[in-house]
Structure formats: C-alpha cells, structure tokens
C-alpha cells in the first residue's frame, strides 16, 4: 500500500475563532467541500489547515467559513 502524495495543503487565517466549538463549526463546514480530506482549525492561532485532493477556490472556502459564522481573512 502506498501513501497518497497527490494532496494540496493550504493554510487560511480566520477571524472570530475563540474556542473548540468555533474550531468544530469551521471544520465541519469546510470538510463538506468536495475533495477535502482533512481540516484542522486552531482557535489560538486563528489558522485553519485544509488538505484536499486538488487546490480549492478561495471563494468556496470563504463561503464555507461564512456559513459557519466566521470571516475568512485570507491565506496565511
């Protein structure tokens, strides 16, 4: 079995995260996007790391973060 190497990792800055609930809300919305395989939101740093099978459109990620009730600042 070989490790999957064809993934893309992107780090985004999100404002408004302050707790584990925030992390979960954002992770839940972004993880529903097509191609996303992993999401790690960290409230302390305001960063969300997204691993996907192909590059994601920033506006698509922005919409998911907005749906969770937070604001995407941009790429970190």
Foldseek 3Di string as FASTA:
>chain_A
DDDDDQKDKFKWAWPDQDDPVLQVLLQVLVCPDPFWDDWGADSVRRMIITMGNDDDDVVSSQVSNVVSPIGTPGTD
